[in-house]
Amino acid sequence: MKYRVRLDLPLDNETDAKALIVYAKKLSAKATSINEGKDNEEIAFIDYEICGHDSGVACKKIERVEIRRL
């Protein structure tokens, strides 16, 4: 059994967002993907974006970290 944490936290402050990404990357060393390498794999990830929903524009991906062990 695994424990899954999902977050979607729009933040007003870039400093806070970067601090959260740094913390998440450190914790990602303890994370695992589920069924990695199989047809039904679920790869753990961290997405960092500039969100444009409040101004009617698309989000812009800054970085994506995928947690893979294979």
PDB file of N, CA and C in Angstrom:
ATOM      1  N   MET A   1       0.845  -1.171   0.000  1.00  0.00           N
ATOM      2  CA  MET A   1       0.000   0.000   0.000  1.00  0.00           C
ATOM      3  C   MET A   1       0.892   1.236   0.000  1.00  0.00           C
ATOM      4  N   LYS A   2       0.455   2.261  -0.696  1.00  0.00           N
ATOM      5  CA  LYS A   2       1.166   3.533  -0.783  1.00  0.00           C
ATOM      6  C   LYS A   2       0.274   4.636  -0.207  1.00  0.00           C
ATOM      7  N   TYR A   3       0.885   5.748   0.118  1.00  0.00           N
ATOM      8  CA  TYR A   3       0.164   6.942   0.537  1.00  0.00           C
ATOM      9  C   TYR A   3       0.440   8.012  -0.506  1.00  0.00           C
ATOM     10  N   ARG A   4      -0.607   8.544  -1.092  1.00  0.00           N
ATOM     11  CA  ARG A   4      -0.451   9.493  -2.190  1.00  0.00           C
ATOM     12  C   ARG A   4      -0.855  10.885  -1.728  1.00  0.00           C
ATOM     13  N   VAL A   5      -0.045  11.860  -2.090  1.00  0.00           N
ATOM     14  CA  VAL A   5      -0.330  13.263  -1.793  1.00  0.00           C
ATOM     15  C   VAL A   5      -0.399  14.006  -3.123  1.00  0.00           C
ATOM     16  N   ARG A   6      -1.499  14.709  -3.338  1.00  0.00           N
ATOM     17  CA  ARG A   6      -1.645  15.510  -4.555  1.00  0.00           C
ATOM     18  C   ARG A   6      -1.896  16.953  -4.147  1.00  0.00           C
ATOM     19  N   LEU A   7      -1.176  17.861  -4.777  1.00  0.00           N
ATOM     20  CA  LEU A   7      -1.306  19.279  -4.477  1.00  0.00           C
ATOM     21  C   LEU A   7      -1.506  20.069  -5.756  1.00  0.00           C
ATOM     22  N   ASP A   8      -2.310  21.080  -5.690  1.00  0.00           N
ATOM     23  CA  ASP A   8      -2.423  22.070  -6.755  1.00  0.00           C
ATOM     24  C   ASP A   8      -2.608  23.394  -6.028  1.00  0.00           C
ATOM     25  N   LEU A   9      -1.510  24.091  -5.812  1.00  0.00           N
ATOM     26  CA  LEU A   9      -1.519  25.278  -4.961  1.00  0.00           C
ATOM     27  C   LEU A   9      -1.086  26.517  -5.738  1.00  0.00           C
ATOM     28  N   PRO A  10      -2.015  27.266  -6.315  1.00  0.00           N
ATOM     29  CA  PRO A  10      -1.632  28.531  -6.933  1.00  0.00           C
ATOM     30  C   PRO A  10      -1.164  29.501  -5.842  1.00  0.00           C
ATOM     31  N   LEU A  11       0.032  30.024  -6.002  1.00  0.00           N
ATOM     32  CA  LEU A  11       0.607  30.941  -5.025  1.00  0.00           C
ATOM     33  C   LEU A  11       0.843  32.302  -5.669  1.00  0.00           C
ATOM     34  N   ASP A  12       0.648  33.367  -4.918  1.00  0.00           N
ATOM     35  CA  ASP A  12       0.850  34.723  -5.431  1.00  0.00           C
ATOM     36  C   ASP A  12       2.318  35.121  -5.450  1.00  0.00           C
ATOM     37  N   ASN A  13       3.149  34.405  -4.708  1.00  0.00           N
ATOM     38  CA  ASN A  13       4.527  34.812  -4.508  1.00  0.00           C
ATOM     39  C   ASN A  13       5.474  33.785  -5.124  1.00  0.00           C
ATOM     40  N   GLU A  14       6.333  34.215  -6.044  1.00  0.00           N
ATOM     41  CA  GLU A  14       7.272  33.312  -6.705  1.00  0.00           C
ATOM     42  C   GLU A  14       8.246  32.676  -5.705  1.00  0.00           C
ATOM     43  N   THR A  15       8.645  33.434  -4.708  1.00  0.00           N
ATOM     44  CA  THR A  15       9.566  32.912  -3.699  1.00  0.00           C
ATOM     45  C   THR A  15       8.959  31.721  -2.975  1.00  0.00           C
ATOM     46  N   ASP A  16       7.681  31.820  -2.617  1.00  0.00           N
ATOM     47  CA  ASP A  16       6.998  30.706  -1.960  1.00  0.00           C
ATOM     48  C   ASP A  16       6.902  29.502  -2.892  1.00  0.00           C
ATOM     49  N   ALA A  17       6.585  29.751  -4.155  1.00  0.00           N
ATOM     50  CA  ALA A  17       6.465  28.659  -5.125  1.00  0.00           C
ATOM     51  C   ALA A  17       7.799  27.934  -5.289  1.00  0.00           C
ATOM     52  N   LYS A  18       8.873  28.693  -5.407  1.00  0.00           N
ATOM     53  CA  LYS A  18      10.189  28.074  -5.560  1.00  0.00           C
ATOM     54  C   LYS A  18      10.588  27.294  -4.310  1.00  0.00           C
ATOM     55  N   ALA A  19      10.265  27.818  -3.141  1.00  0.00           N
ATOM     56  CA  ALA A  19      10.577  27.113  -1.894  1.00  0.00           C
ATOM     57  C   ALA A  19       9.830  25.786  -1.831  1.00  0.00           C
ATOM     58  N   LEU A  20       8.579  25.776  -2.272  1.00  0.00           N
ATOM     59  CA  LEU A  20       7.800  24.540  -2.275  1.00  0.00           C
ATOM     60  C   LEU A  20       8.375  23.531  -3.260  1.00  0.00           C
ATOM     61  N   ILE A  21       8.815  23.990  -4.423  1.00  0.00           N
ATOM     62  CA  ILE A  21       9.422  23.103  -5.418  1.00  0.00           C
ATOM     63  C   ILE A  21      10.709  22.500  -4.877  1.00  0.00           C
ATOM     64  N   VAL A  22      11.538  23.299  -4.236  1.00  0.00           N
ATOM     65  CA  VAL A  22      12.787  22.796  -3.654  1.00  0.00           C
ATOM     66  C   VAL A  22      12.476  21.714  -2.622  1.00  0.00           C
ATOM     67  N   TYR A  23      11.507  21.968  -1.758  1.00  0.00           N
ATOM     68  CA  TYR A  23      11.124  20.994  -0.741  1.00  0.00           C
ATOM     69  C   TYR A  23      10.578  19.715  -1.385  1.00  0.00           C
ATOM     70  N   ALA A  24       9.723  19.868  -2.392  1.00  0.00           N
ATOM     71  CA  ALA A  24       9.149  18.707  -3.066  1.00  0.00           C
ATOM     72  C   ALA A  24      10.230  17.868  -3.747  1.00  0.00           C
ATOM     73  N   LYS A  25      11.216  18.523  -4.342  1.00  0.00           N
ATOM     74  CA  LYS A  25      12.304  17.784  -4.982  1.00  0.00           C
ATOM     75  C   LYS A  25      13.093  16.964  -3.963  1.00  0.00           C
ATOM     76  N   LYS A  26      13.306  17.533  -2.788  1.00  0.00           N
ATOM     77  CA  LYS A  26      14.005  16.782  -1.739  1.00  0.00           C
ATOM     78  C   LYS A  26      13.194  15.550  -1.339  1.00  0.00           C
ATOM     79  N   LEU A  27      11.905  15.716  -1.172  1.00  0.00           N
ATOM     80  CA  LEU A  27      11.056  14.583  -0.798  1.00  0.00           C
ATOM     81  C   LEU A  27      10.918  13.570  -1.923  1.00  0.00           C
ATOM     82  N   SER A  28      11.102  13.995  -3.160  1.00  0.00           N
ATOM     83  CA  SER A  28      10.930  13.079  -4.284  1.00  0.00           C
ATOM     84  C   SER A  28      11.918  11.920  -4.233  1.00  0.00           C
ATOM     85  N   ALA A  29      13.014  12.081  -3.522  1.00  0.00           N
ATOM     86  CA  ALA A  29      13.973  10.981  -3.369  1.00  0.00           C
ATOM     87  C   ALA A  29      13.354   9.808  -2.621  1.00  0.00           C
ATOM     88  N   LYS A  30      12.314  10.073  -1.849  1.00  0.00           N
ATOM     89  CA  LYS A  30      11.619   9.019  -1.098  1.00  0.00           C
ATOM     90  C   LYS A  30      10.411   8.481  -1.856  1.00  0.00           C
ATOM     91  N   ALA A  31      10.055   9.129  -2.944  1.00  0.00           N
ATOM     92  CA  ALA A  31       8.853   8.741  -3.692  1.00  0.00           C
ATOM     93  C   ALA A  31       9.145   7.592  -4.640  1.00  0.00           C
ATOM     94  N   THR A  32       8.101   6.953  -5.070  1.00  0.00           N
ATOM     95  CA  THR A  32       8.217   5.861  -6.018  1.00  0.00           C
ATOM     96  C   THR A  32       7.083   5.949  -7.029  1.00  0.00           C
ATOM     97  N   SER A  33       7.325   5.520  -8.220  1.00  0.00           N
ATOM     98  CA  SER A  33       6.259   5.416  -9.200  1.00  0.00           C
ATOM     99  C   SER A  33       5.609   4.052  -9.042  1.00  0.00           C
ATOM    100  N   ILE A  34       4.397   3.930  -9.530  1.00  0.00           N
ATOM    101  CA  ILE A  34       3.635   2.699  -9.362  1.00  0.00           C
ATOM    102  C   ILE A  34       3.659   1.915 -10.673  1.00  0.00           C
ATOM    103  N   ASN A  35       4.013   0.650 -10.579  1.00  0.00           N
ATOM    104  CA  ASN A  35       4.061  -0.248 -11.745  1.00  0.00           C
ATOM    105  C   ASN A  35       4.958   0.292 -12.859  1.00  0.00           C
ATOM    106  N   GLU A  36       6.056   0.887 -12.469  1.00  0.00           N
ATOM    107  CA  GLU A  36       6.955   1.491 -13.451  1.00  0.00           C
ATOM    108  C   GLU A  36       7.439   0.436 -14.449  1.00  0.00           C
ATOM    109  N   GLY A  37       7.393   0.794 -15.729  1.00  0.00           N
ATOM    110  CA  GLY A  37       7.832  -0.100 -16.785  1.00  0.00           C
ATOM    111  C   GLY A  37       6.757  -1.052 -17.284  1.00  0.00           C
ATOM    112  N   LYS A  38       5.601  -1.040 -16.654  1.00  0.00           N
ATOM    113  CA  LYS A  38       4.492  -1.908 -17.075  1.00  0.00           C
ATOM    114  C   LYS A  38       3.467  -1.093 -17.868  1.00  0.00           C
ATOM    115  N   ASP A  39       2.518  -1.790 -18.482  1.00  0.00           N
ATOM    116  CA  ASP A  39       1.487  -1.118 -19.276  1.00  0.00           C
ATOM    117  C   ASP A  39       0.628  -0.174 -18.441  1.00  0.00           C
ATOM    118  N   ASN A  40       0.480  -0.468 -17.161  1.00  0.00           N
ATOM    119  CA  ASN A  40      -0.389   0.345 -16.298  1.00  0.00           C
ATOM    120  C   ASN A  40       0.416   1.224 -15.334  1.00  0.00           C
ATOM    121  N   GLU A  41       1.598   1.676 -15.761  1.00  0.00           N
ATOM    122  CA  GLU A  41       2.442   2.475 -14.879  1.00  0.00           C
ATOM    123  C   GLU A  41       1.821   3.834 -14.576  1.00  0.00           C
ATOM    124  N   GLU A  42       2.128   4.329 -13.402  1.00  0.00           N
ATOM    125  CA  GLU A  42       1.758   5.673 -12.983  1.00  0.00           C
ATOM    126  C   GLU A  42       3.043   6.337 -12.492  1.00  0.00           C
ATOM    127  N   ILE A  43       3.565   7.251 -13.276  1.00  0.00           N
ATOM    128  CA  ILE A  43       4.830   7.889 -12.949  1.00  0.00           C
ATOM    129  C   ILE A  43       4.568   9.090 -12.036  1.00  0.00           C
ATOM    130  N   ALA A  44       5.234   9.096 -10.890  1.00  0.00           N
ATOM    131  CA  ALA A  44       5.128  10.221  -9.966  1.00  0.00           C
ATOM    132  C   ALA A  44       5.811  11.435 -10.602  1.00  0.00           C
ATOM    133  N   PHE A  45       5.286  12.618 -10.312  1.00  0.00           N
ATOM    134  CA  PHE A  45       5.843  13.814 -10.945  1.00  0.00           C
ATOM    135  C   PHE A  45       5.604  15.055 -10.098  1.00  0.00           C
ATOM    136  N   ILE A  46       6.373  16.084 -10.431  1.00  0.00           N
ATOM    137  CA  ILE A  46       6.196  17.423  -9.885  1.00  0.00           C
ATOM    138  C   ILE A  46       6.126  18.367 -11.080  1.00  0.00           C
ATOM    139  N   ASP A  47       5.080  19.155 -11.187  1.00  0.00           N
ATOM    140  CA  ASP A  47       4.974  20.174 -12.224  1.00  0.00           C
ATOM    141  C   ASP A  47       5.082  21.550 -11.591  1.00  0.00           C
ATOM    142  N   TYR A  48       5.836  22.430 -12.222  1.00  0.00           N
ATOM    143  CA  TYR A  48       5.976  23.814 -11.777  1.00  0.00           C
ATOM    144  C   TYR A  48       5.589  24.688 -12.962  1.00  0.00           C
ATOM    145  N   GLU A  49       4.553  25.509 -12.800  1.00  0.00           N
ATOM    146  CA  GLU A  49       4.002  26.294 -13.892  1.00  0.00           C
ATOM    147  C   GLU A  49       3.730  27.736 -13.464  1.00  0.00           C
ATOM    148  N   ILE A  50       3.664  28.601 -14.457  1.00  0.00           N
ATOM    149  CA  ILE A  50       3.088  29.924 -14.261  1.00  0.00           C
ATOM    150  C   ILE A  50       1.635  29.793 -14.689  1.00  0.00           C
ATOM    151  N   CYS A  51       0.721  30.034 -13.780  1.00  0.00           N
ATOM    152  CA  CYS A  51      -0.701  29.852 -14.048  1.00  0.00           C
ATOM    153  C   CYS A  51      -1.307  31.137 -14.613  1.00  0.00           C
ATOM    154  N   GLY A  52      -1.989  31.006 -15.726  1.00  0.00           N
ATOM    155  CA  GLY A  52      -2.621  32.166 -16.348  1.00  0.00           C
ATOM    156  C   GLY A  52      -4.132  32.149 -16.272  1.00  0.00           C
ATOM    157  N   HIS A  53      -4.697  31.217 -15.498  1.00  0.00           N
ATOM    158  CA  HIS A  53      -6.156  31.096 -15.456  1.00  0.00           C
ATOM    159  C   HIS A  53      -6.857  32.366 -14.988  1.00  0.00           C
ATOM    160  N   ASP A  54      -6.234  33.115 -14.096  1.00  0.00           N
ATOM    161  CA  ASP A  54      -6.891  34.325 -13.599  1.00  0.00           C
ATOM    162  C   ASP A  54      -6.899  35.457 -14.623  1.00  0.00           C
ATOM    163  N   SER A  55      -6.056  35.359 -15.647  1.00  0.00           N
ATOM    164  CA  SER A  55      -6.029  36.388 -16.678  1.00  0.00           C
ATOM    165  C   SER A  55      -6.449  35.858 -18.048  1.00  0.00           C
ATOM    166  N   GLY A  56      -6.960  34.634 -18.097  1.00  0.00           N
ATOM    167  CA  GLY A  56      -7.506  34.084 -19.334  1.00  0.00           C
ATOM    168  C   GLY A  56      -6.473  33.574 -20.329  1.00  0.00           C
ATOM    169  N   VAL A  57      -5.265  33.282 -19.869  1.00  0.00           N
ATOM    170  CA  VAL A  57      -4.261  32.723 -20.771  1.00  0.00           C
ATOM    171  C   VAL A  57      -3.849  31.336 -20.273  1.00  0.00           C
ATOM    172  N   ALA A  58      -3.228  30.596 -21.160  1.00  0.00           N
ATOM    173  CA  ALA A  58      -2.819  29.234 -20.813  1.00  0.00           C
ATOM    174  C   ALA A  58      -1.675  29.252 -19.801  1.00  0.00           C
ATOM    175  N   CYS A  59      -1.579  28.175 -19.044  1.00  0.00           N
ATOM    176  CA  CYS A  59      -0.466  28.018 -18.115  1.00  0.00           C
ATOM    177  C   CYS A  59       0.819  27.781 -18.911  1.00  0.00           C
ATOM    178  N   LYS A  60       1.942  28.182 -18.335  1.00  0.00           N
ATOM    179  CA  LYS A  60       3.234  27.986 -18.976  1.00  0.00           C
ATOM    180  C   LYS A  60       4.083  27.101 -18.068  1.00  0.00           C
ATOM    181  N   LYS A  61       4.427  25.913 -18.570  1.00  0.00           N
ATOM    182  CA  LYS A  61       5.229  24.981 -17.792  1.00  0.00           C
ATOM    183  C   LYS A  61       6.663  25.487 -17.685  1.00  0.00           C
ATOM    184  N   ILE A  62       7.150  25.552 -16.449  1.00  0.00           N
ATOM    185  CA  ILE A  62       8.534  25.945 -16.206  1.00  0.00           C
ATOM    186  C   ILE A  62       9.400  24.697 -16.089  1.00  0.00           C
ATOM    187  N   GLU A  63       8.875  23.699 -15.371  1.00  0.00           N
ATOM    188  CA  GLU A  63       9.666  22.497 -15.125  1.00  0.00           C
ATOM    189  C   GLU A  63       8.752  21.335 -14.789  1.00  0.00           C
ATOM    190  N   ARG A  64       9.153  20.148 -15.192  1.00  0.00           N
ATOM    191  CA  ARG A  64       8.477  18.913 -14.796  1.00  0.00           C
ATOM    192  C   ARG A  64       9.551  17.937 -14.344  1.00  0.00           C
ATOM    193  N   VAL A  65       9.359  17.386 -13.163  1.00  0.00           N
ATOM    194  CA  VAL A  65      10.268  16.379 -12.620  1.00  0.00           C
ATOM    195  C   VAL A  65       9.492  15.075 -12.535  1.00  0.00           C
ATOM    196  N   GLU A  66       9.970  14.046 -13.207  1.00  0.00           N
ATOM    197  CA  GLU A  66       9.353  12.723 -13.125  1.00  0.00           C
ATOM    198  C   GLU A  66      10.231  11.827 -12.268  1.00  0.00           C
ATOM    199  N   ILE A  67       9.607  11.089 -11.392  1.00  0.00           N
ATOM    200  CA  ILE A  67      10.329  10.213 -10.473  1.00  0.00           C
ATOM    201  C   ILE A  67      10.340   8.816 -11.073  1.00  0.00           C
ATOM    202  N   ARG A  68      11.481   8.441 -11.590  1.00  0.00           N
ATOM    203  CA  ARG A  68      11.663   7.128 -12.228  1.00  0.00           C
ATOM    204  C   ARG A  68      12.847   6.446 -11.599  1.00  0.00           C
ATOM    205  N   ARG A  69      12.725   5.154 -11.349  1.00  0.00           N
ATOM    206  CA  ARG A  69      13.797   4.379 -10.730  1.00  0.00           C
ATOM    207  C   ARG A  69      14.421   3.366 -11.683  1.00  0.00           C
ATOM    208  N   LEU A  70      13.751   3.074 -12.805  1.00  0.00           N
ATOM    209  CA  LEU A  70      14.291   2.095 -13.756  1.00  0.00           C
ATOM    210  C   LEU A  70      15.441   2.660 -14.544  1.00  0.00           C
TER     211      LEU A  70
END
